[in-house]
Amino acid sequence: MNYLAHAYLSFHIPEILAGNMVSDFVKGKKKYDYPVSIQKGIHLHRAIDGFTDQHPATKKAKEFFKPAVGPYAGAFIDVVYDHFLALDKEEFPADQLDLFTKEAYGQLDALQSFFPEKFAAMFPYMKSQNWLFNYRYKEGIEKSFGGLVRRAQYLTDAQPAYRIFLSEYDALSSHYVSFFPEVKAFASSQLALLLNQ
């Protein structure tokens, strides 16, 4: 899952949110450098990623992108899931997405002292460009795909993947619909276990 989903699946708990958002920038035993409350967010992030990768809907959705991006298909699906989450009226009715993103940025602002260096450098751009909200726009997905290509070792052009996103839009949406309620329930149960430890 990408940033919006990981933020949303932190269930409004600031320290869980911080850990969930920085997890990809914290390697191996480095997680033990963080307070236990943030470690739990890091653990939750990794559990969500494992569940997502193994889910049948994700495996089917990846097949659309493999011809264009090969082993990076999962990263592109993560961004696609954020797009459909941002548009999901069950999860974000009315103006709730806007309110949620403002809350998330505010909670993260208060915990910036715990950000690893690379996330700390990225966060001002995430906030000023309002990445979490802009996943709802196809143009925002195009930009996110471009960011993936810049970070990928073997990719040079985001447009083939973006064309797949547009041409398979309805099918990808259906995979999101079958996937997201299950990952939300999984994350909620994992968080309950972590908070009771």
N, C-alpha and C. Protein backbone atom coordinates (compact mmCIF):
# COMPACT_ATOMS: atom_id res chain seq x y z
N MET A 1 0.84 -1.19 0.00
CA MET A 1 0.00 0.00 0.00
C MET A 1 0.88 1.24 0.00
N ASN A 2 0.31 2.32 -0.48
CA ASN A 2 1.05 3.57 -0.58
C ASN A 2 0.67 4.51 0.57
N TYR A 3 1.09 5.76 0.51
CA TYR A 3 1.02 6.64 1.68
C TYR A 3 -0.39 6.88 2.20
N LEU A 4 -1.36 7.11 1.31
CA LEU A 4 -2.71 7.39 1.81
C LEU A 4 -3.26 6.19 2.57
N ALA A 5 -3.12 5.01 1.99
CA ALA A 5 -3.66 3.83 2.66
C ALA A 5 -2.96 3.57 3.99
N HIS A 6 -1.63 3.70 4.01
CA HIS A 6 -0.93 3.48 5.28
C HIS A 6 -1.34 4.52 6.32
N ALA A 7 -1.54 5.75 5.89
CA ALA A 7 -2.01 6.77 6.83
C ALA A 7 -3.40 6.42 7.35
N TYR A 8 -4.29 6.04 6.44
CA TYR A 8 -5.67 5.74 6.82
C TYR A 8 -5.74 4.52 7.73
N LEU A 9 -4.90 3.54 7.47
CA LEU A 9 -4.90 2.31 8.27
C LEU A 9 -4.09 2.45 9.55
N SER A 10 -3.79 3.69 9.93
CA SER A 10 -3.22 3.97 11.24
C SER A 10 -4.31 4.35 12.24
N PHE A 11 -5.54 4.49 11.76
CA PHE A 11 -6.74 4.65 12.59
C PHE A 11 -6.62 5.83 13.56
N HIS A 12 -6.07 6.95 13.06
CA HIS A 12 -6.04 8.22 13.78
C HIS A 12 -5.13 8.23 15.01
N ILE A 13 -4.21 7.29 15.11
CA ILE A 13 -3.29 7.24 16.27
C ILE A 13 -1.95 7.84 15.82
N PRO A 14 -1.54 8.99 16.36
CA PRO A 14 -0.38 9.70 15.82
C PRO A 14 0.91 8.88 15.75
N GLU A 15 1.27 8.16 16.81
CA GLU A 15 2.53 7.42 16.80
C GLU A 15 2.47 6.24 15.82
N ILE A 16 1.31 5.61 15.72
CA ILE A 16 1.14 4.54 14.73
C ILE A 16 1.27 5.12 13.33
N LEU A 17 0.66 6.28 13.11
CA LEU A 17 0.78 6.96 11.82
C LEU A 17 2.24 7.23 11.47
N ALA A 18 2.99 7.78 12.41
CA ALA A 18 4.40 8.10 12.14
C ALA A 18 5.17 6.85 11.76
N GLY A 19 5.01 5.78 12.52
CA GLY A 19 5.72 4.55 12.21
C GLY A 19 5.30 3.96 10.88
N ASN A 20 4.01 4.02 10.61
CA ASN A 20 3.47 3.49 9.37
C ASN A 20 4.01 4.24 8.16
N MET A 21 4.17 5.55 8.31
CA MET A 21 4.62 6.37 7.19
C MET A 21 6.12 6.27 6.93
N VAL A 22 6.91 6.09 7.98
CA VAL A 22 8.37 6.09 7.80
C VAL A 22 8.94 4.69 7.61
N SER A 23 8.13 3.67 7.71
CA SER A 23 8.63 2.29 7.76
C SER A 23 9.56 1.93 6.61
N ASP A 24 9.24 2.35 5.40
CA ASP A 24 10.08 2.00 4.25
C ASP A 24 11.46 2.64 4.32
N PHE A 25 11.63 3.62 5.19
CA PHE A 25 12.91 4.30 5.34
C PHE A 25 13.69 3.80 6.56
N VAL A 26 13.15 2.79 7.22
CA VAL A 26 13.77 2.24 8.43
C VAL A 26 14.13 0.79 8.15
N LYS A 27 15.40 0.51 8.04
CA LYS A 27 15.85 -0.82 7.64
C LYS A 27 16.19 -1.68 8.85
N GLY A 28 15.75 -2.94 8.80
CA GLY A 28 16.16 -3.96 9.77
C GLY A 28 16.00 -3.54 11.21
N LYS A 29 17.10 -3.69 11.97
CA LYS A 29 17.06 -3.44 13.41
C LYS A 29 17.02 -1.95 13.77
N LYS A 30 17.11 -1.08 12.76
CA LYS A 30 17.00 0.36 13.02
C LYS A 30 15.66 0.71 13.67
N LYS A 31 14.66 -0.17 13.49
CA LYS A 31 13.35 0.14 14.08
C LYS A 31 13.44 0.23 15.60
N TYR A 32 14.44 -0.44 16.19
CA TYR A 32 14.56 -0.42 17.65
C TYR A 32 15.14 0.90 18.16
N ASP A 33 15.53 1.78 17.24
CA ASP A 33 15.98 3.12 17.63
C ASP A 33 14.79 4.03 17.96
N TYR A 34 13.58 3.57 17.68
CA TYR A 34 12.39 4.40 17.84
C TYR A 34 11.62 4.02 19.11
N PRO A 35 10.82 4.95 19.64
CA PRO A 35 9.96 4.61 20.77
C PRO A 35 9.06 3.42 20.42
N VAL A 36 8.68 2.67 21.43
CA VAL A 36 7.88 1.46 21.21
C VAL A 36 6.59 1.79 20.46
N SER A 37 5.98 2.92 20.76
CA SER A 37 4.71 3.28 20.10
C SER A 37 4.91 3.47 18.60
N ILE A 38 6.05 4.00 18.18
CA ILE A 38 6.34 4.17 16.76
C ILE A 38 6.78 2.84 16.15
N GLN A 39 7.49 2.03 16.90
CA GLN A 39 7.84 0.69 16.43
C GLN A 39 6.59 -0.09 16.04
N LYS A 40 5.52 0.08 16.79
CA LYS A 40 4.28 -0.64 16.48
C LYS A 40 3.71 -0.20 15.14
N GLY A 41 3.86 1.08 14.81
CA GLY A 41 3.44 1.56 13.50
C GLY A 41 4.28 0.97 12.38
N ILE A 42 5.59 0.85 12.63
CA ILE A 42 6.49 0.24 11.65
C ILE A 42 6.09 -1.22 11.43
N HIS A 43 5.82 -1.91 12.51
CA HIS A 43 5.41 -3.33 12.41
C HIS A 43 4.09 -3.44 11.66
N LEU A 44 3.15 -2.54 11.96
CA LEU A 44 1.85 -2.58 11.28
C LEU A 44 2.03 -2.38 9.77
N HIS A 45 2.87 -1.42 9.39
CA HIS A 45 3.15 -1.18 7.98
C HIS A 45 3.62 -2.45 7.29
N ARG A 46 4.55 -3.13 7.91
CA ARG A 46 5.13 -4.33 7.29
C ARG A 46 4.11 -5.46 7.20
N ALA A 47 3.25 -5.56 8.21
CA ALA A 47 2.19 -6.58 8.17
C ALA A 47 1.20 -6.27 7.05
N ILE A 48 0.83 -5.00 6.89
CA ILE A 48 -0.08 -4.60 5.81
C ILE A 48 0.54 -4.91 4.45
N ASP A 49 1.81 -4.60 4.30
CA ASP A 49 2.48 -4.87 3.02
C ASP A 49 2.47 -6.37 2.70
N GLY A 50 2.73 -7.19 3.70
CA GLY A 50 2.72 -8.64 3.48
C GLY A 50 1.35 -9.13 3.08
N PHE A 51 0.32 -8.65 3.76
CA PHE A 51 -1.06 -9.04 3.44
C PHE A 51 -1.42 -8.60 2.02
N THR A 52 -1.05 -7.37 1.68
CA THR A 52 -1.37 -6.82 0.36
C THR A 52 -0.72 -7.63 -0.75
N ASP A 53 0.55 -7.94 -0.58
CA ASP A 53 1.29 -8.66 -1.62
C ASP A 53 0.71 -10.05 -1.88
N GLN A 54 0.18 -10.67 -0.85
CA GLN A 54 -0.32 -12.04 -0.99
C GLN A 54 -1.81 -12.11 -1.36
N HIS A 55 -2.48 -10.98 -1.39
CA HIS A 55 -3.92 -11.00 -1.64
C HIS A 55 -4.21 -11.33 -3.11
N PRO A 56 -5.19 -12.20 -3.36
CA PRO A 56 -5.50 -12.58 -4.75
C PRO A 56 -5.82 -11.39 -5.66
N ALA A 57 -6.50 -10.37 -5.13
CA ALA A 57 -6.83 -9.20 -5.97
C ALA A 57 -5.58 -8.47 -6.40
N THR A 58 -4.61 -8.36 -5.49
CA THR A 58 -3.35 -7.70 -5.83
C THR A 58 -2.60 -8.49 -6.88
N LYS A 59 -2.56 -9.79 -6.72
CA LYS A 59 -1.85 -10.63 -7.69
C LYS A 59 -2.46 -10.48 -9.09
N LYS A 60 -3.80 -10.42 -9.17
CA LYS A 60 -4.45 -10.23 -10.47
C LYS A 60 -4.18 -8.84 -11.03
N ALA A 61 -4.22 -7.83 -10.16
CA ALA A 61 -3.99 -6.46 -10.62
C ALA A 61 -2.57 -6.28 -11.13
N LYS A 62 -1.61 -6.93 -10.48
CA LYS A 62 -0.22 -6.81 -10.92
C LYS A 62 -0.02 -7.29 -12.35
N GLU A 63 -0.81 -8.27 -12.77
CA GLU A 63 -0.63 -8.84 -14.10
C GLU A 63 -0.82 -7.79 -15.20
N PHE A 64 -1.65 -6.79 -14.95
CA PHE A 64 -1.83 -5.74 -15.94
C PHE A 64 -0.53 -4.97 -16.17
N PHE A 65 0.23 -4.77 -15.09
CA PHE A 65 1.39 -3.89 -15.16
C PHE A 65 2.71 -4.61 -15.47
N LYS A 66 2.74 -5.91 -15.26
CA LYS A 66 4.01 -6.63 -15.44
C LYS A 66 4.63 -6.46 -16.82
N PRO A 67 3.84 -6.45 -17.92
CA PRO A 67 4.49 -6.27 -19.22
C PRO A 67 5.23 -4.94 -19.34
N ALA A 68 4.77 -3.91 -18.63
CA ALA A 68 5.37 -2.58 -18.74
C ALA A 68 6.46 -2.33 -17.70
N VAL A 69 6.27 -2.88 -16.48
CA VAL A 69 7.20 -2.50 -15.39
C VAL A 69 7.81 -3.70 -14.68
N GLY A 70 7.48 -4.90 -15.13
CA GLY A 70 8.10 -6.10 -14.58
C GLY A 70 7.94 -6.22 -13.07
N PRO A 71 9.06 -6.40 -12.36
CA PRO A 71 8.98 -6.65 -10.92
C PRO A 71 8.51 -5.46 -10.09
N TYR A 72 8.37 -4.30 -10.72
CA TYR A 72 7.89 -3.12 -10.00
C TYR A 72 6.36 -3.03 -9.99
N ALA A 73 5.69 -4.02 -10.55
CA ALA A 73 4.23 -3.96 -10.66
C ALA A 73 3.56 -3.70 -9.32
N GLY A 74 4.07 -4.31 -8.27
CA GLY A 74 3.46 -4.13 -6.95
C GLY A 74 3.47 -2.69 -6.49
N ALA A 75 4.57 -1.98 -6.75
CA ALA A 75 4.67 -0.58 -6.35
C ALA A 75 3.64 0.27 -7.10
N PHE A 76 3.41 -0.04 -8.37
CA PHE A 76 2.42 0.70 -9.14
C PHE A 76 1.01 0.40 -8.64
N ILE A 77 0.75 -0.84 -8.27
CA ILE A 77 -0.57 -1.18 -7.72
C ILE A 77 -0.81 -0.46 -6.40
N ASP A 78 0.22 -0.31 -5.60
CA ASP A 78 0.06 0.44 -4.34
C ASP A 78 -0.47 1.85 -4.61
N VAL A 79 0.08 2.51 -5.61
CA VAL A 79 -0.38 3.85 -5.97
C VAL A 79 -1.81 3.81 -6.51
N VAL A 80 -2.11 2.81 -7.33
CA VAL A 80 -3.46 2.66 -7.87
C VAL A 80 -4.47 2.47 -6.74
N TYR A 81 -4.14 1.66 -5.76
CA TYR A 81 -5.05 1.47 -4.62
C TYR A 81 -5.29 2.79 -3.88
N ASP A 82 -4.26 3.62 -3.75
CA ASP A 82 -4.46 4.91 -3.10
C ASP A 82 -5.44 5.78 -3.89
N HIS A 83 -5.37 5.70 -5.21
CA HIS A 83 -6.31 6.47 -6.04
C HIS A 83 -7.75 6.07 -5.75
N PHE A 84 -8.00 4.79 -5.75
CA PHE A 84 -9.38 4.34 -5.54
C PHE A 84 -9.82 4.55 -4.09
N LEU A 85 -8.90 4.47 -3.14
CA LEU A 85 -9.25 4.79 -1.76
C LEU A 85 -9.65 6.26 -1.65
N ALA A 86 -8.89 7.14 -2.29
CA ALA A 86 -9.20 8.57 -2.22
C ALA A 86 -10.57 8.89 -2.80
N LEU A 87 -11.05 8.06 -3.72
CA LEU A 87 -12.37 8.26 -4.33
C LEU A 87 -13.48 7.46 -3.64
N ASP A 88 -13.13 6.68 -2.64
CA ASP A 88 -14.06 5.74 -2.02
C ASP A 88 -15.03 6.48 -1.10
N LYS A 89 -16.27 6.58 -1.52
CA LYS A 89 -17.27 7.32 -0.74
C LYS A 89 -17.68 6.59 0.53
N GLU A 90 -17.42 5.29 0.60
CA GLU A 90 -17.68 4.56 1.85
C GLU A 90 -16.68 4.97 2.92
N GLU A 91 -15.42 5.14 2.53
CA GLU A 91 -14.38 5.48 3.49
C GLU A 91 -14.28 6.99 3.71
N PHE A 92 -14.51 7.77 2.65
CA PHE A 92 -14.38 9.23 2.73
C PHE A 92 -15.62 9.91 2.15
N PRO A 93 -16.74 9.89 2.88
CA PRO A 93 -17.92 10.59 2.38
C PRO A 93 -17.72 12.11 2.42
N ALA A 94 -18.43 12.80 1.54
CA ALA A 94 -18.43 14.28 1.51
C ALA A 94 -17.00 14.81 1.48
N ASP A 95 -16.64 15.68 2.45
CA ASP A 95 -15.31 16.30 2.44
C ASP A 95 -14.36 15.62 3.42
N GLN A 96 -14.63 14.36 3.76
CA GLN A 96 -13.83 13.68 4.78
C GLN A 96 -12.39 13.45 4.35
N LEU A 97 -12.13 13.28 3.06
CA LEU A 97 -10.74 13.10 2.63
C LEU A 97 -9.92 14.33 2.95
N ASP A 98 -10.46 15.50 2.66
CA ASP A 98 -9.75 16.74 2.96
C ASP A 98 -9.48 16.87 4.46
N LEU A 99 -10.48 16.59 5.26
CA LEU A 99 -10.31 16.67 6.72
C LEU A 99 -9.29 15.65 7.21
N PHE A 100 -9.34 14.45 6.65
CA PHE A 100 -8.41 13.41 7.07
C PHE A 100 -6.97 13.79 6.75
N THR A 101 -6.75 14.29 5.53
CA THR A 101 -5.37 14.61 5.15
C THR A 101 -4.82 15.73 6.02
N LYS A 102 -5.63 16.72 6.33
CA LYS A 102 -5.17 17.80 7.20
C LYS A 102 -4.83 17.27 8.59
N GLU A 103 -5.65 16.37 9.10
CA GLU A 103 -5.35 15.76 10.39
C GLU A 103 -4.03 14.99 10.35
N ALA A 104 -3.84 14.21 9.29
CA ALA A 104 -2.62 13.40 9.17
C ALA A 104 -1.37 14.29 9.12
N TYR A 105 -1.41 15.34 8.31
CA TYR A 105 -0.25 16.23 8.23
C TYR A 105 0.02 16.88 9.59
N GLY A 106 -1.03 17.26 10.30
CA GLY A 106 -0.85 17.86 11.61
C GLY A 106 -0.23 16.90 12.60
N GLN A 107 -0.69 15.65 12.60
CA GLN A 107 -0.12 14.65 13.51
C GLN A 107 1.34 14.38 13.18
N LEU A 108 1.65 14.32 11.90
CA LEU A 108 3.04 14.08 11.49
C LEU A 108 3.93 15.28 11.82
N ASP A 109 3.41 16.49 11.66
CA ASP A 109 4.17 17.69 12.02
C ASP A 109 4.69 17.59 13.46
N ALA A 110 3.85 17.11 14.34
CA ALA A 110 4.20 17.06 15.76
C ALA A 110 5.24 16.00 16.08
N LEU A 111 5.49 15.08 15.14
CA LEU A 111 6.42 13.98 15.39
C LEU A 111 7.62 14.02 14.44
N GLN A 112 7.88 15.17 13.85
CA GLN A 112 8.96 15.26 12.87
C GLN A 112 10.33 14.93 13.46
N SER A 113 10.49 15.09 14.75
CA SER A 113 11.80 14.79 15.36
C SER A 113 12.16 13.31 15.23
N PHE A 114 11.18 12.46 14.93
CA PHE A 114 11.43 11.03 14.79
C PHE A 114 11.60 10.60 13.33
N PHE A 115 11.50 11.51 12.40
CA PHE A 115 11.59 11.13 10.98
C PHE A 115 13.02 10.73 10.62
N PRO A 116 13.20 9.62 9.92
CA PRO A 116 14.51 9.34 9.33
C PRO A 116 14.83 10.39 8.27
N GLU A 117 16.10 10.53 7.98
CA GLU A 117 16.57 11.65 7.15
C GLU A 117 15.85 11.75 5.80
N LYS A 118 15.69 10.63 5.11
CA LYS A 118 15.10 10.68 3.77
C LYS A 118 13.61 11.05 3.83
N PHE A 119 12.90 10.53 4.83
CA PHE A 119 11.49 10.90 4.95
C PHE A 119 11.37 12.36 5.37
N ALA A 120 12.26 12.82 6.24
CA ALA A 120 12.25 14.22 6.67
C ALA A 120 12.44 15.15 5.48
N ALA A 121 13.29 14.74 4.54
CA ALA A 121 13.52 15.56 3.35
C ALA A 121 12.32 15.56 2.42
N MET A 122 11.59 14.46 2.39
CA MET A 122 10.45 14.32 1.49
C MET A 122 9.17 14.95 2.04
N PHE A 123 9.00 14.93 3.36
CA PHE A 123 7.73 15.31 3.97
C PHE A 123 7.27 16.73 3.59
N PRO A 124 8.16 17.73 3.55
CA PRO A 124 7.66 19.06 3.15
C PRO A 124 7.02 19.08 1.77
N TYR A 125 7.53 18.27 0.84
CA TYR A 125 6.94 18.19 -0.50
C TYR A 125 5.60 17.46 -0.44
N MET A 126 5.54 16.38 0.34
CA MET A 126 4.29 15.66 0.50
C MET A 126 3.19 16.59 1.01
N LYS A 127 3.55 17.42 1.98
CA LYS A 127 2.57 18.30 2.60
C LYS A 127 2.22 19.48 1.69
N SER A 128 3.23 20.16 1.13
CA SER A 128 2.96 21.36 0.33
C SER A 128 2.23 21.02 -0.96
N GLN A 129 2.52 19.84 -1.53
CA GLN A 129 1.86 19.41 -2.76
C GLN A 129 0.62 18.55 -2.48
N ASN A 130 0.35 18.33 -1.20
CA ASN A 130 -0.84 17.61 -0.74
C ASN A 130 -1.00 16.27 -1.45
N TRP A 131 0.05 15.46 -1.37
CA TRP A 131 0.03 14.16 -2.04
C TRP A 131 -1.17 13.33 -1.61
N LEU A 132 -1.47 13.31 -0.31
CA LEU A 132 -2.51 12.41 0.19
C LEU A 132 -3.85 12.72 -0.45
N PHE A 133 -4.15 13.98 -0.63
CA PHE A 133 -5.43 14.36 -1.25
C PHE A 133 -5.38 14.16 -2.76
N ASN A 134 -4.25 14.47 -3.36
CA ASN A 134 -4.18 14.50 -4.83
C ASN A 134 -4.12 13.12 -5.47
N TYR A 135 -4.04 12.07 -4.66
CA TYR A 135 -4.18 10.73 -5.23
C TYR A 135 -5.55 10.54 -5.89
N ARG A 136 -6.51 11.36 -5.51
CA ARG A 136 -7.84 11.19 -6.09
C ARG A 136 -7.90 11.58 -7.56
N TYR A 137 -6.93 12.37 -8.01
CA TYR A 137 -6.91 12.85 -9.40
C TYR A 137 -6.00 11.97 -10.26
N LYS A 138 -6.44 11.71 -11.47
CA LYS A 138 -5.62 10.90 -12.36
C LYS A 138 -4.27 11.58 -12.63
N GLU A 139 -4.27 12.91 -12.65
CA GLU A 139 -3.00 13.63 -12.85
C GLU A 139 -2.05 13.37 -11.68
N GLY A 140 -2.62 13.23 -10.49
CA GLY A 140 -1.79 12.91 -9.32
C GLY A 140 -1.17 11.53 -9.43
N ILE A 141 -1.91 10.60 -10.01
CA ILE A 141 -1.38 9.25 -10.21
C ILE A 141 -0.28 9.27 -11.26
N GLU A 142 -0.48 10.06 -12.30
CA GLU A 142 0.56 10.17 -13.33
C GLU A 142 1.87 10.69 -12.72
N LYS A 143 1.76 11.69 -11.85
CA LYS A 143 2.97 12.21 -11.18
C LYS A 143 3.59 11.17 -10.26
N SER A 144 2.75 10.43 -9.56
CA SER A 144 3.27 9.39 -8.66
C SER A 144 3.98 8.30 -9.45
N PHE A 145 3.42 7.93 -10.59
CA PHE A 145 4.08 6.95 -11.45
C PHE A 145 5.44 7.47 -11.91
N GLY A 146 5.50 8.75 -12.24
CA GLY A 146 6.77 9.34 -12.62
C GLY A 146 7.79 9.25 -11.51
N GLY A 147 7.34 9.47 -10.27
CA GLY A 147 8.24 9.34 -9.12
C GLY A 147 8.75 7.92 -8.95
N LEU A 148 7.88 6.94 -9.18
CA LEU A 148 8.30 5.55 -9.10
C LEU A 148 9.38 5.24 -10.14
N VAL A 149 9.17 5.74 -11.35
CA VAL A 149 10.14 5.48 -12.42
C VAL A 149 11.50 6.11 -12.08
N ARG A 150 11.48 7.32 -11.52
CA ARG A 150 12.75 7.97 -11.17
C ARG A 150 13.53 7.18 -10.12
N ARG A 151 12.81 6.51 -9.24
CA ARG A 151 13.48 5.74 -8.17
C ARG A 151 13.82 4.31 -8.59
N ALA A 152 13.21 3.84 -9.67
CA ALA A 152 13.41 2.45 -10.11
C ALA A 152 14.71 2.32 -10.89
N GLN A 153 15.35 1.20 -10.70
CA GLN A 153 16.66 0.99 -11.31
C GLN A 153 16.58 0.72 -12.81
N TYR A 154 15.49 0.09 -13.26
CA TYR A 154 15.44 -0.39 -14.63
C TYR A 154 14.34 0.26 -15.47
N LEU A 155 13.71 1.33 -14.97
CA LEU A 155 12.62 1.96 -15.71
C LEU A 155 13.03 3.37 -16.14
N THR A 156 12.53 3.79 -17.29
CA THR A 156 12.87 5.13 -17.79
C THR A 156 11.65 5.96 -18.18
N ASP A 157 10.47 5.33 -18.28
CA ASP A 157 9.30 6.03 -18.80
C ASP A 157 8.04 5.56 -18.08
N ALA A 158 7.31 6.49 -17.49
CA ALA A 158 6.10 6.15 -16.75
C ALA A 158 4.88 6.01 -17.65
N GLN A 159 4.96 6.49 -18.87
CA GLN A 159 3.76 6.54 -19.71
C GLN A 159 3.16 5.17 -20.04
N PRO A 160 3.97 4.13 -20.32
CA PRO A 160 3.33 2.83 -20.56
C PRO A 160 2.47 2.35 -19.38
N ALA A 161 2.97 2.55 -18.17
CA ALA A 161 2.19 2.16 -16.99
C ALA A 161 0.96 3.04 -16.84
N TYR A 162 1.10 4.32 -17.11
CA TYR A 162 -0.04 5.22 -16.99
C TYR A 162 -1.13 4.87 -18.01
N ARG A 163 -0.71 4.51 -19.22
CA ARG A 163 -1.71 4.09 -20.23
C ARG A 163 -2.44 2.83 -19.79
N ILE A 164 -1.74 1.92 -19.14
CA ILE A 164 -2.40 0.71 -18.61
C ILE A 164 -3.39 1.10 -17.53
N PHE A 165 -3.00 2.00 -16.65
CA PHE A 165 -3.91 2.49 -15.61
C PHE A 165 -5.20 3.02 -16.22
N LEU A 166 -5.09 3.80 -17.26
CA LEU A 166 -6.28 4.37 -17.90
C LEU A 166 -7.10 3.31 -18.63
N SER A 167 -6.44 2.43 -19.36
CA SER A 167 -7.17 1.46 -20.17
C SER A 167 -7.82 0.36 -19.33
N GLU A 168 -7.22 0.04 -18.20
CA GLU A 168 -7.75 -1.02 -17.33
C GLU A 168 -8.41 -0.46 -16.07
N TYR A 169 -8.83 0.78 -16.16
CA TYR A 169 -9.31 1.50 -14.98
C TYR A 169 -10.43 0.76 -14.25
N ASP A 170 -11.43 0.31 -14.99
CA ASP A 170 -12.58 -0.34 -14.36
C ASP A 170 -12.19 -1.67 -13.71
N ALA A 171 -11.34 -2.42 -14.37
CA ALA A 171 -10.89 -3.70 -13.81
C ALA A 171 -10.07 -3.46 -12.54
N LEU A 172 -9.20 -2.47 -12.57
CA LEU A 172 -8.39 -2.15 -11.39
C LEU A 172 -9.28 -1.69 -10.24
N SER A 173 -10.31 -0.92 -10.57
CA SER A 173 -11.26 -0.48 -9.54
C SER A 173 -11.94 -1.68 -8.88
N SER A 174 -12.31 -2.67 -9.67
CA SER A 174 -12.98 -3.85 -9.12
C SER A 174 -12.04 -4.64 -8.21
N HIS A 175 -10.77 -4.68 -8.55
CA HIS A 175 -9.80 -5.35 -7.67
C HIS A 175 -9.67 -4.60 -6.35
N TYR A 176 -9.64 -3.28 -6.42
CA TYR A 176 -9.61 -2.49 -5.18
C TYR A 176 -10.83 -2.79 -4.31
N VAL A 177 -12.00 -2.84 -4.92
CA VAL A 177 -13.24 -3.06 -4.17
C VAL A 177 -13.22 -4.40 -3.46
N SER A 178 -12.65 -5.41 -4.08
CA SER A 178 -12.61 -6.72 -3.43
C SER A 178 -11.50 -6.80 -2.38
N PHE A 179 -10.51 -5.94 -2.52
CA PHE A 179 -9.36 -5.99 -1.63
C PHE A 179 -9.50 -5.14 -0.37
N PHE A 180 -9.95 -3.89 -0.52
CA PHE A 180 -9.75 -2.94 0.58
C PHE A 180 -10.50 -3.29 1.86
N PRO A 181 -11.75 -3.73 1.82
CA PRO A 181 -12.39 -4.09 3.09
C PRO A 181 -11.62 -5.16 3.87
N GLU A 182 -10.96 -6.06 3.13
CA GLU A 182 -10.22 -7.13 3.79
C GLU A 182 -8.92 -6.62 4.41
N VAL A 183 -8.22 -5.74 3.71
CA VAL A 183 -6.99 -5.20 4.31
C VAL A 183 -7.33 -4.29 5.49
N LYS A 184 -8.44 -3.60 5.42
CA LYS A 184 -8.85 -2.74 6.55
C LYS A 184 -9.15 -3.58 7.79
N ALA A 185 -9.87 -4.67 7.60
CA ALA A 185 -10.17 -5.57 8.73
C ALA A 185 -8.88 -6.19 9.27
N PHE A 186 -7.99 -6.59 8.37
CA PHE A 186 -6.71 -7.17 8.80
C PHE A 186 -5.90 -6.16 9.60
N ALA A 187 -5.79 -4.93 9.10
CA ALA A 187 -5.01 -3.91 9.79
C ALA A 187 -5.59 -3.60 11.16
N SER A 188 -6.91 -3.55 11.23
CA SER A 188 -7.56 -3.28 12.52
C SER A 188 -7.26 -4.37 13.54
N SER A 189 -7.30 -5.62 13.09
CA SER A 189 -7.02 -6.72 14.02
C SER A 189 -5.53 -6.75 14.42
N GLN A 190 -4.65 -6.46 13.46
CA GLN A 190 -3.23 -6.40 13.78
C GLN A 190 -2.92 -5.28 14.76
N LEU A 191 -3.55 -4.14 14.56
CA LEU A 191 -3.33 -3.01 15.46
C LEU A 191 -3.82 -3.34 16.87
N ALA A 192 -4.95 -3.99 16.98
CA ALA A 192 -5.47 -4.37 18.29
C ALA A 192 -4.47 -5.27 19.02
N LEU A 193 -3.88 -6.21 18.30
CA LEU A 193 -2.87 -7.08 18.90
C LEU A 193 -1.65 -6.29 19.35
N LEU A 194 -1.18 -5.38 18.50
CA LEU A 194 0.00 -4.58 18.82
C LEU A 194 -0.23 -3.69 20.03
N LEU A 195 -1.41 -3.10 20.11
CA LEU A 195 -1.69 -2.19 21.22
C LEU A 195 -1.84 -2.93 22.55
N ASN A 196 -2.14 -4.22 22.48
CA ASN A 196 -2.27 -5.02 23.71
C ASN A 196 -0.97 -5.67 24.16
N GLN A 197 0.10 -5.48 23.37
CA GLN A 197 1.38 -6.08 23.75
C GLN A 197 2.08 -5.23 24.82
